[in-house]
Amino acid sequence: MSKSLAETEQIASDFLSNLDKQPARNSATVVGLSGDLGSGKTTFTQAAARTLGVRDAVQSPTFVIIKSYAIPKNWQGESLPASKDSPSVWPWRKLVHIDCYRLEKPEDLTKLGWAELAADSANLIFIEWPENVMAALLPGLITIKFETISETERKIVYD
């Protein structure tokens, strides 16, 4: 349960730390973010980006569909509420944020260069509305489900 941005940032930090401990992949790490409009998917992505050391402002890619951000090679994260287990060097070089809300079928994602993005093990890909393109996604998709409990509370559940 998250009742504040600080709590969401801690959940994102903990999630990334656990994700980093998984075995190395030969393809991108893909995380599906599911939940109603306004349930916290973009806020979680912004919190994850800060934990990863992304310096650019992370905004919803609803209209452009895909946005990419460089992840610094040696991020120390001293100013963030990162967990004590967070590494100072992440295995990913790029955070790719995709919003599939306006996509109607898996082929729409394929036309946007999905195969190349998914093949690069240096990519950490967060996909909002993965259910719209599920057939195009990699096996082993990691999912996070968001539920609005109240105006300030969100339930965040991940694999």
N, C-alpha and C. Protein backbone atom coordinates (compact mmCIF):
# COMPACT_ATOMS: atom_id res chain seq x y z
N MET A 1 0.84 -1.17 0.00
CA MET A 1 0.00 0.00 0.00
C MET A 1 0.89 1.24 0.00
N SER A 2 0.53 2.19 -0.83
CA SER A 2 1.23 3.46 -0.86
C SER A 2 0.24 4.56 -0.54
N LYS A 3 0.63 5.42 0.39
CA LYS A 3 -0.21 6.55 0.77
C LYS A 3 0.44 7.88 0.43
N SER A 4 1.62 7.81 -0.22
CA SER A 4 2.33 9.04 -0.56
C SER A 4 3.35 8.77 -1.68
N LEU A 5 3.85 9.85 -2.25
CA LEU A 5 4.88 9.73 -3.27
C LEU A 5 6.14 9.09 -2.67
N ALA A 6 6.47 9.44 -1.45
CA ALA A 6 7.66 8.85 -0.80
C ALA A 6 7.50 7.34 -0.66
N GLU A 7 6.31 6.89 -0.31
CA GLU A 7 6.08 5.45 -0.18
C GLU A 7 6.14 4.77 -1.55
N THR A 8 5.61 5.42 -2.58
CA THR A 8 5.70 4.86 -3.94
C THR A 8 7.15 4.77 -4.37
N GLU A 9 7.96 5.78 -4.05
CA GLU A 9 9.38 5.74 -4.39
C GLU A 9 10.08 4.58 -3.67
N GLN A 10 9.72 4.33 -2.44
CA GLN A 10 10.34 3.22 -1.71
C GLN A 10 9.93 1.88 -2.32
N ILE A 11 8.66 1.75 -2.70
CA ILE A 11 8.19 0.52 -3.34
C ILE A 11 8.92 0.32 -4.67
N ALA A 12 9.07 1.39 -5.46
CA ALA A 12 9.78 1.30 -6.74
C ALA A 12 11.24 0.90 -6.52
N SER A 13 11.87 1.48 -5.52
CA SER A 13 13.26 1.16 -5.21
C SER A 13 13.41 -0.30 -4.81
N ASP A 14 12.51 -0.77 -3.94
CA ASP A 14 12.55 -2.16 -3.52
C ASP A 14 12.31 -3.10 -4.71
N PHE A 15 11.37 -2.74 -5.56
CA PHE A 15 11.07 -3.55 -6.75
C PHE A 15 12.31 -3.66 -7.64
N LEU A 16 12.96 -2.52 -7.91
CA LEU A 16 14.15 -2.54 -8.77
C LEU A 16 15.29 -3.33 -8.14
N SER A 17 15.46 -3.22 -6.85
CA SER A 17 16.51 -3.98 -6.17
C SER A 17 16.27 -5.48 -6.32
N ASN A 18 15.02 -5.90 -6.16
CA ASN A 18 14.69 -7.32 -6.34
C ASN A 18 14.84 -7.74 -7.79
N LEU A 19 14.45 -6.88 -8.70
CA LEU A 19 14.56 -7.17 -10.13
C LEU A 19 16.02 -7.32 -10.54
N ASP A 20 16.88 -6.50 -9.95
CA ASP A 20 18.30 -6.55 -10.26
C ASP A 20 18.95 -7.86 -9.81
N LYS A 21 18.36 -8.52 -8.84
CA LYS A 21 18.92 -9.77 -8.32
C LYS A 21 18.55 -10.98 -9.15
N GLN A 22 17.68 -10.80 -10.13
CA GLN A 22 17.29 -11.91 -11.00
C GLN A 22 18.43 -12.24 -11.95
N PRO A 23 18.47 -13.47 -12.47
CA PRO A 23 19.54 -13.85 -13.40
C PRO A 23 19.58 -12.94 -14.63
N ALA A 24 20.77 -12.77 -15.18
CA ALA A 24 20.94 -11.95 -16.38
C ALA A 24 20.09 -12.51 -17.52
N ARG A 25 19.63 -11.63 -18.35
CA ARG A 25 18.77 -12.01 -19.48
C ARG A 25 19.51 -11.79 -20.80
N ASN A 26 19.05 -12.49 -21.82
CA ASN A 26 19.56 -12.28 -23.17
C ASN A 26 18.69 -11.31 -23.95
N SER A 27 17.70 -10.75 -23.28
CA SER A 27 16.79 -9.80 -23.90
C SER A 27 16.45 -8.73 -22.87
N ALA A 28 15.65 -7.78 -23.26
CA ALA A 28 15.26 -6.69 -22.36
C ALA A 28 14.49 -7.24 -21.16
N THR A 29 14.54 -6.51 -20.07
CA THR A 29 13.70 -6.78 -18.91
C THR A 29 12.41 -6.00 -19.13
N VAL A 30 11.29 -6.72 -19.21
CA VAL A 30 10.02 -6.07 -19.55
C VAL A 30 9.05 -6.18 -18.38
N VAL A 31 8.51 -5.03 -17.98
CA VAL A 31 7.59 -4.94 -16.85
C VAL A 31 6.28 -4.35 -17.35
N GLY A 32 5.20 -5.09 -17.18
CA GLY A 32 3.88 -4.62 -17.55
C GLY A 32 3.22 -3.93 -16.37
N LEU A 33 2.66 -2.75 -16.61
CA LEU A 33 1.99 -1.97 -15.56
C LEU A 33 0.50 -1.93 -15.89
N SER A 34 -0.30 -2.60 -15.07
CA SER A 34 -1.74 -2.69 -15.33
C SER A 34 -2.53 -1.98 -14.24
N GLY A 35 -3.59 -1.31 -14.65
CA GLY A 35 -4.47 -0.63 -13.70
C GLY A 35 -5.28 0.42 -14.42
N ASP A 36 -6.32 0.87 -13.76
CA ASP A 36 -7.19 1.89 -14.34
C ASP A 36 -6.44 3.21 -14.54
N LEU A 37 -7.05 4.10 -15.32
CA LEU A 37 -6.50 5.44 -15.48
C LEU A 37 -6.35 6.08 -14.10
N GLY A 38 -5.21 6.74 -13.88
CA GLY A 38 -4.98 7.43 -12.62
C GLY A 38 -4.63 6.54 -11.44
N SER A 39 -4.32 5.29 -11.69
CA SER A 39 -4.04 4.37 -10.58
C SER A 39 -2.58 4.39 -10.13
N GLY A 40 -1.71 5.09 -10.85
CA GLY A 40 -0.33 5.24 -10.39
C GLY A 40 0.75 4.66 -11.28
N LYS A 41 0.40 4.23 -12.49
CA LYS A 41 1.38 3.59 -13.37
C LYS A 41 2.51 4.56 -13.75
N THR A 42 2.16 5.75 -14.19
CA THR A 42 3.19 6.72 -14.57
C THR A 42 3.94 7.22 -13.35
N THR A 43 3.26 7.43 -12.25
CA THR A 43 3.92 7.86 -11.01
C THR A 43 4.95 6.84 -10.57
N PHE A 44 4.62 5.56 -10.67
CA PHE A 44 5.56 4.50 -10.33
C PHE A 44 6.77 4.54 -11.27
N THR A 45 6.52 4.72 -12.56
CA THR A 45 7.62 4.80 -13.53
C THR A 45 8.53 5.99 -13.22
N GLN A 46 7.94 7.12 -12.86
CA GLN A 46 8.73 8.29 -12.49
C GLN A 46 9.59 8.00 -11.26
N ALA A 47 9.00 7.31 -10.26
CA ALA A 47 9.75 6.96 -9.06
C ALA A 47 10.88 5.99 -9.39
N ALA A 48 10.61 5.02 -10.24
CA ALA A 48 11.65 4.08 -10.66
C ALA A 48 12.77 4.81 -11.40
N ALA A 49 12.40 5.74 -12.26
CA ALA A 49 13.40 6.51 -13.00
C ALA A 49 14.31 7.29 -12.05
N ARG A 50 13.74 7.91 -11.03
CA ARG A 50 14.56 8.64 -10.05
C ARG A 50 15.50 7.67 -9.33
N THR A 51 15.00 6.50 -8.96
CA THR A 51 15.84 5.51 -8.29
C THR A 51 17.00 5.09 -9.19
N LEU A 52 16.74 4.98 -10.49
CA LEU A 52 17.76 4.58 -11.45
C LEU A 52 18.74 5.71 -11.78
N GLY A 53 18.42 6.93 -11.34
CA GLY A 53 19.29 8.07 -11.60
C GLY A 53 18.98 8.82 -12.88
N VAL A 54 17.82 8.56 -13.48
CA VAL A 54 17.44 9.28 -14.70
C VAL A 54 17.29 10.76 -14.36
N ARG A 55 17.94 11.59 -15.12
CA ARG A 55 17.94 13.02 -14.83
C ARG A 55 16.84 13.78 -15.58
N ASP A 56 16.33 13.20 -16.65
CA ASP A 56 15.29 13.87 -17.44
C ASP A 56 13.95 13.78 -16.72
N ALA A 57 13.07 14.74 -17.02
CA ALA A 57 11.70 14.68 -16.49
C ALA A 57 10.97 13.55 -17.22
N VAL A 58 10.39 12.64 -16.47
CA VAL A 58 9.68 11.50 -17.05
C VAL A 58 8.19 11.84 -17.06
N GLN A 59 7.63 11.86 -18.26
CA GLN A 59 6.21 12.17 -18.41
C GLN A 59 5.53 11.02 -19.14
N SER A 60 4.23 10.96 -19.00
CA SER A 60 3.48 9.89 -19.66
C SER A 60 3.67 9.97 -21.17
N PRO A 61 3.97 8.85 -21.80
CA PRO A 61 4.12 8.84 -23.25
C PRO A 61 2.81 8.56 -23.99
N THR A 62 1.68 8.93 -23.41
CA THR A 62 0.37 8.61 -23.99
C THR A 62 0.28 9.00 -25.45
N PHE A 63 0.73 10.19 -25.82
CA PHE A 63 0.56 10.65 -27.20
C PHE A 63 1.70 10.26 -28.12
N VAL A 64 2.92 10.16 -27.58
CA VAL A 64 4.06 9.75 -28.42
C VAL A 64 4.30 8.25 -28.35
N ILE A 65 3.68 7.59 -27.42
CA ILE A 65 3.68 6.14 -27.19
C ILE A 65 4.97 5.63 -26.55
N ILE A 66 6.14 6.03 -27.05
CA ILE A 66 7.40 5.53 -26.49
C ILE A 66 8.33 6.69 -26.15
N LYS A 67 8.91 6.61 -24.96
CA LYS A 67 9.96 7.56 -24.56
C LYS A 67 11.10 6.74 -23.96
N SER A 68 12.33 7.18 -24.21
CA SER A 68 13.50 6.49 -23.69
C SER A 68 14.36 7.45 -22.88
N TYR A 69 14.99 6.92 -21.84
CA TYR A 69 15.80 7.71 -20.94
C TYR A 69 17.10 6.97 -20.63
N ALA A 70 18.20 7.68 -20.65
CA ALA A 70 19.49 7.08 -20.32
C ALA A 70 19.59 6.85 -18.82
N ILE A 71 20.12 5.71 -18.43
CA ILE A 71 20.38 5.39 -17.03
C ILE A 71 21.88 5.57 -16.82
N PRO A 72 22.29 6.46 -15.91
CA PRO A 72 23.72 6.68 -15.68
C PRO A 72 24.44 5.40 -15.27
N LYS A 73 25.70 5.28 -15.66
CA LYS A 73 26.46 4.07 -15.38
C LYS A 73 26.83 3.92 -13.91
N ASN A 74 27.08 5.02 -13.23
CA ASN A 74 27.52 4.95 -11.84
C ASN A 74 26.64 5.82 -10.94
N TRP A 75 25.41 5.42 -10.79
CA TRP A 75 24.47 6.20 -9.99
C TRP A 75 24.59 5.80 -8.53
N GLN A 76 24.80 6.78 -7.66
CA GLN A 76 24.96 6.49 -6.23
C GLN A 76 23.65 6.64 -5.46
N GLY A 77 22.75 7.50 -5.90
CA GLY A 77 21.43 7.61 -5.29
C GLY A 77 21.39 8.10 -3.86
N GLU A 78 22.37 8.91 -3.44
CA GLU A 78 22.40 9.34 -2.05
C GLU A 78 21.18 10.14 -1.64
N SER A 79 20.59 10.89 -2.55
CA SER A 79 19.49 11.78 -2.18
C SER A 79 18.12 11.12 -2.25
N LEU A 80 18.07 9.86 -2.58
CA LEU A 80 16.79 9.18 -2.73
C LEU A 80 16.53 8.24 -1.56
N PRO A 81 15.26 7.91 -1.35
CA PRO A 81 14.94 6.97 -0.28
C PRO A 81 15.15 5.52 -0.73
N ALA A 82 16.24 5.28 -1.43
CA ALA A 82 16.50 3.94 -1.95
C ALA A 82 16.77 2.98 -0.80
N SER A 83 16.45 1.73 -1.04
CA SER A 83 16.69 0.73 0.00
C SER A 83 18.19 0.51 0.15
N LYS A 84 18.59 0.01 1.29
CA LYS A 84 20.01 -0.20 1.55
C LYS A 84 20.61 -1.24 0.62
N ASP A 85 19.75 -2.04 -0.01
CA ASP A 85 20.22 -3.08 -0.92
C ASP A 85 20.35 -2.62 -2.37
N SER A 86 19.97 -1.35 -2.66
CA SER A 86 20.03 -0.87 -4.04
C SER A 86 21.47 -0.81 -4.51
N PRO A 87 21.74 -1.33 -5.69
CA PRO A 87 23.11 -1.27 -6.21
C PRO A 87 23.45 0.14 -6.68
N SER A 88 24.74 0.44 -6.76
CA SER A 88 25.14 1.74 -7.29
C SER A 88 25.30 1.67 -8.80
N VAL A 89 25.37 0.47 -9.35
CA VAL A 89 25.45 0.30 -10.80
C VAL A 89 24.35 -0.67 -11.21
N TRP A 90 23.45 -0.20 -12.05
CA TRP A 90 22.33 -1.04 -12.51
C TRP A 90 22.74 -1.79 -13.77
N PRO A 91 22.11 -2.92 -14.07
CA PRO A 91 22.47 -3.68 -15.26
C PRO A 91 21.90 -3.09 -16.56
N TRP A 92 21.03 -2.09 -16.43
CA TRP A 92 20.39 -1.52 -17.62
C TRP A 92 21.01 -0.18 -17.97
N ARG A 93 21.03 0.15 -19.24
CA ARG A 93 21.57 1.43 -19.72
C ARG A 93 20.45 2.38 -20.17
N LYS A 94 19.25 1.81 -20.41
CA LYS A 94 18.16 2.64 -20.90
C LYS A 94 16.85 2.21 -20.27
N LEU A 95 16.05 3.21 -19.84
CA LEU A 95 14.69 2.98 -19.39
C LEU A 95 13.79 3.36 -20.55
N VAL A 96 12.97 2.42 -20.99
CA VAL A 96 12.04 2.66 -22.09
C VAL A 96 10.63 2.61 -21.48
N HIS A 97 9.88 3.68 -21.68
CA HIS A 97 8.52 3.80 -21.13
C HIS A 97 7.54 3.81 -22.31
N ILE A 98 6.67 2.83 -22.33
CA ILE A 98 5.72 2.67 -23.44
C ILE A 98 4.30 2.72 -22.88
N ASP A 99 3.45 3.49 -23.53
CA ASP A 99 2.04 3.55 -23.14
C ASP A 99 1.21 2.98 -24.29
N CYS A 100 0.63 1.82 -24.06
CA CYS A 100 -0.13 1.12 -25.10
C CYS A 100 -1.63 1.40 -25.03
N TYR A 101 -2.02 2.43 -24.29
CA TYR A 101 -3.44 2.74 -24.13
C TYR A 101 -4.15 2.92 -25.47
N ARG A 102 -3.48 3.59 -26.40
CA ARG A 102 -4.10 3.88 -27.71
C ARG A 102 -3.83 2.80 -28.76
N LEU A 103 -3.07 1.77 -28.41
CA LEU A 103 -2.81 0.70 -29.36
C LEU A 103 -3.96 -0.31 -29.30
N GLU A 104 -4.32 -0.82 -30.45
CA GLU A 104 -5.49 -1.70 -30.51
C GLU A 104 -5.14 -3.17 -30.69
N LYS A 105 -3.92 -3.45 -31.16
CA LYS A 105 -3.55 -4.85 -31.40
C LYS A 105 -2.03 -4.99 -31.29
N PRO A 106 -1.55 -6.20 -31.05
CA PRO A 106 -0.11 -6.42 -30.88
C PRO A 106 0.73 -5.92 -32.06
N GLU A 107 0.19 -6.01 -33.26
CA GLU A 107 0.93 -5.56 -34.45
C GLU A 107 1.27 -4.08 -34.38
N ASP A 108 0.45 -3.29 -33.66
CA ASP A 108 0.74 -1.86 -33.52
C ASP A 108 2.06 -1.65 -32.79
N LEU A 109 2.34 -2.47 -31.79
CA LEU A 109 3.59 -2.38 -31.06
C LEU A 109 4.75 -2.84 -31.94
N THR A 110 4.54 -3.88 -32.70
CA THR A 110 5.56 -4.40 -33.60
C THR A 110 6.00 -3.32 -34.59
N LYS A 111 5.06 -2.55 -35.11
CA LYS A 111 5.37 -1.49 -36.08
C LYS A 111 6.23 -0.38 -35.48
N LEU A 112 6.26 -0.29 -34.15
CA LEU A 112 7.02 0.76 -33.47
C LEU A 112 8.44 0.33 -33.11
N GLY A 113 8.90 -0.79 -33.68
CA GLY A 113 10.26 -1.26 -33.43
C GLY A 113 10.39 -2.11 -32.18
N TRP A 114 9.32 -2.78 -31.79
CA TRP A 114 9.33 -3.59 -30.58
C TRP A 114 10.42 -4.66 -30.59
N ALA A 115 10.61 -5.34 -31.70
CA ALA A 115 11.58 -6.45 -31.74
C ALA A 115 12.98 -5.96 -31.36
N GLU A 116 13.38 -4.83 -31.86
CA GLU A 116 14.71 -4.29 -31.55
C GLU A 116 14.81 -3.88 -30.08
N LEU A 117 13.79 -3.21 -29.56
CA LEU A 117 13.78 -2.80 -28.15
C LEU A 117 13.85 -4.02 -27.23
N ALA A 118 13.03 -5.02 -27.53
CA ALA A 118 12.93 -6.21 -26.69
C ALA A 118 14.18 -7.08 -26.74
N ALA A 119 14.93 -7.01 -27.81
CA ALA A 119 16.13 -7.84 -27.97
C ALA A 119 17.33 -7.31 -27.20
N ASP A 120 17.30 -6.05 -26.80
CA ASP A 120 18.46 -5.41 -26.17
C ASP A 120 18.43 -5.62 -24.65
N SER A 121 19.35 -6.42 -24.13
CA SER A 121 19.38 -6.73 -22.70
C SER A 121 19.74 -5.52 -21.84
N ALA A 122 20.19 -4.44 -22.45
CA ALA A 122 20.50 -3.21 -21.71
C ALA A 122 19.25 -2.37 -21.46
N ASN A 123 18.09 -2.81 -22.00
CA ASN A 123 16.85 -2.06 -21.84
C ASN A 123 16.01 -2.58 -20.68
N LEU A 124 15.52 -1.67 -19.87
CA LEU A 124 14.48 -1.95 -18.89
C LEU A 124 13.24 -1.27 -19.44
N ILE A 125 12.23 -2.06 -19.79
CA ILE A 125 11.04 -1.53 -20.47
C ILE A 125 9.84 -1.61 -19.54
N PHE A 126 9.21 -0.46 -19.29
CA PHE A 126 7.96 -0.40 -18.55
C PHE A 126 6.85 -0.15 -19.56
N ILE A 127 5.86 -1.04 -19.58
CA ILE A 127 4.76 -0.93 -20.54
C ILE A 127 3.44 -0.72 -19.79
N GLU A 128 2.85 0.44 -19.99
CA GLU A 128 1.51 0.68 -19.44
C GLU A 128 0.50 0.07 -20.41
N TRP A 129 -0.56 -0.52 -19.86
CA TRP A 129 -1.62 -1.17 -20.63
C TRP A 129 -1.08 -2.34 -21.46
N PRO A 130 -0.31 -3.25 -20.86
CA PRO A 130 0.25 -4.38 -21.61
C PRO A 130 -0.83 -5.31 -22.17
N GLU A 131 -1.99 -5.33 -21.53
CA GLU A 131 -3.07 -6.22 -22.00
C GLU A 131 -3.50 -5.89 -23.43
N ASN A 132 -3.24 -4.66 -23.90
CA ASN A 132 -3.61 -4.29 -25.27
C ASN A 132 -2.71 -4.92 -26.33
N VAL A 133 -1.52 -5.38 -25.92
CA VAL A 133 -0.55 -5.92 -26.88
C VAL A 133 0.08 -7.22 -26.39
N MET A 134 -0.60 -7.91 -25.52
CA MET A 134 -0.03 -9.07 -24.82
C MET A 134 0.61 -10.10 -25.76
N ALA A 135 0.02 -10.36 -26.89
CA ALA A 135 0.56 -11.38 -27.79
C ALA A 135 1.94 -11.01 -28.34
N ALA A 136 2.30 -9.73 -28.32
CA ALA A 136 3.61 -9.30 -28.84
C ALA A 136 4.69 -9.32 -27.77
N LEU A 137 4.31 -9.48 -26.51
CA LEU A 137 5.28 -9.37 -25.42
C LEU A 137 6.05 -10.67 -25.21
N LEU A 138 7.21 -10.51 -24.58
CA LEU A 138 8.09 -11.64 -24.32
C LEU A 138 7.49 -12.58 -23.28
N PRO A 139 7.82 -13.86 -23.37
CA PRO A 139 7.47 -14.75 -22.27
C PRO A 139 8.20 -14.27 -21.01
N GLY A 140 7.64 -14.50 -19.88
CA GLY A 140 8.29 -14.07 -18.64
C GLY A 140 8.04 -12.61 -18.30
N LEU A 141 7.02 -12.04 -18.87
CA LEU A 141 6.66 -10.65 -18.55
C LEU A 141 6.45 -10.53 -17.05
N ILE A 142 7.06 -9.53 -16.45
CA ILE A 142 6.87 -9.24 -15.03
C ILE A 142 5.72 -8.25 -14.96
N THR A 143 4.77 -8.47 -14.06
CA THR A 143 3.62 -7.57 -14.01
C THR A 143 3.50 -6.89 -12.65
N ILE A 144 3.05 -5.65 -12.73
CA ILE A 144 2.71 -4.87 -11.54
C ILE A 144 1.28 -4.41 -11.74
N LYS A 145 0.45 -4.64 -10.73
CA LYS A 145 -0.96 -4.24 -10.80
C LYS A 145 -1.20 -3.10 -9.83
N PHE A 146 -1.89 -2.08 -10.32
CA PHE A 146 -2.19 -0.89 -9.54
C PHE A 146 -3.69 -0.79 -9.32
N GLU A 147 -4.06 -0.46 -8.10
CA GLU A 147 -5.48 -0.30 -7.78
C GLU A 147 -5.65 0.97 -6.95
N THR A 148 -6.61 1.80 -7.35
CA THR A 148 -6.91 3.00 -6.60
C THR A 148 -7.79 2.62 -5.41
N ILE A 149 -7.32 2.93 -4.21
CA ILE A 149 -8.07 2.65 -2.99
C ILE A 149 -8.81 3.92 -2.56
N SER A 150 -8.12 5.04 -2.62
CA SER A 150 -8.72 6.34 -2.30
C SER A 150 -7.96 7.40 -3.09
N GLU A 151 -8.29 8.65 -2.88
CA GLU A 151 -7.62 9.72 -3.61
C GLU A 151 -6.10 9.70 -3.40
N THR A 152 -5.66 9.27 -2.23
CA THR A 152 -4.23 9.27 -1.93
C THR A 152 -3.62 7.88 -1.74
N GLU A 153 -4.42 6.84 -1.75
CA GLU A 153 -3.90 5.49 -1.51
C GLU A 153 -3.96 4.63 -2.76
N ARG A 154 -2.87 3.87 -2.98
CA ARG A 154 -2.80 2.95 -4.09
C ARG A 154 -2.31 1.60 -3.59
N LYS A 155 -2.91 0.54 -4.12
CA LYS A 155 -2.44 -0.80 -3.85
C LYS A 155 -1.56 -1.18 -5.03
N ILE A 156 -0.33 -1.61 -4.75
CA ILE A 156 0.64 -1.96 -5.78
C ILE A 156 1.09 -3.40 -5.51
N VAL A 157 0.81 -4.28 -6.47
CA VAL A 157 1.14 -5.69 -6.31
C VAL A 157 2.00 -6.13 -7.49
N TYR A 158 3.15 -6.76 -7.19
CA TYR A 158 3.99 -7.27 -8.29
C TYR A 158 4.42 -8.69 -8.04
N ASP A 159 4.83 -9.34 -9.16
CA ASP A 159 5.26 -10.74 -9.12
C ASP A 159 6.47 -10.87 -8.21
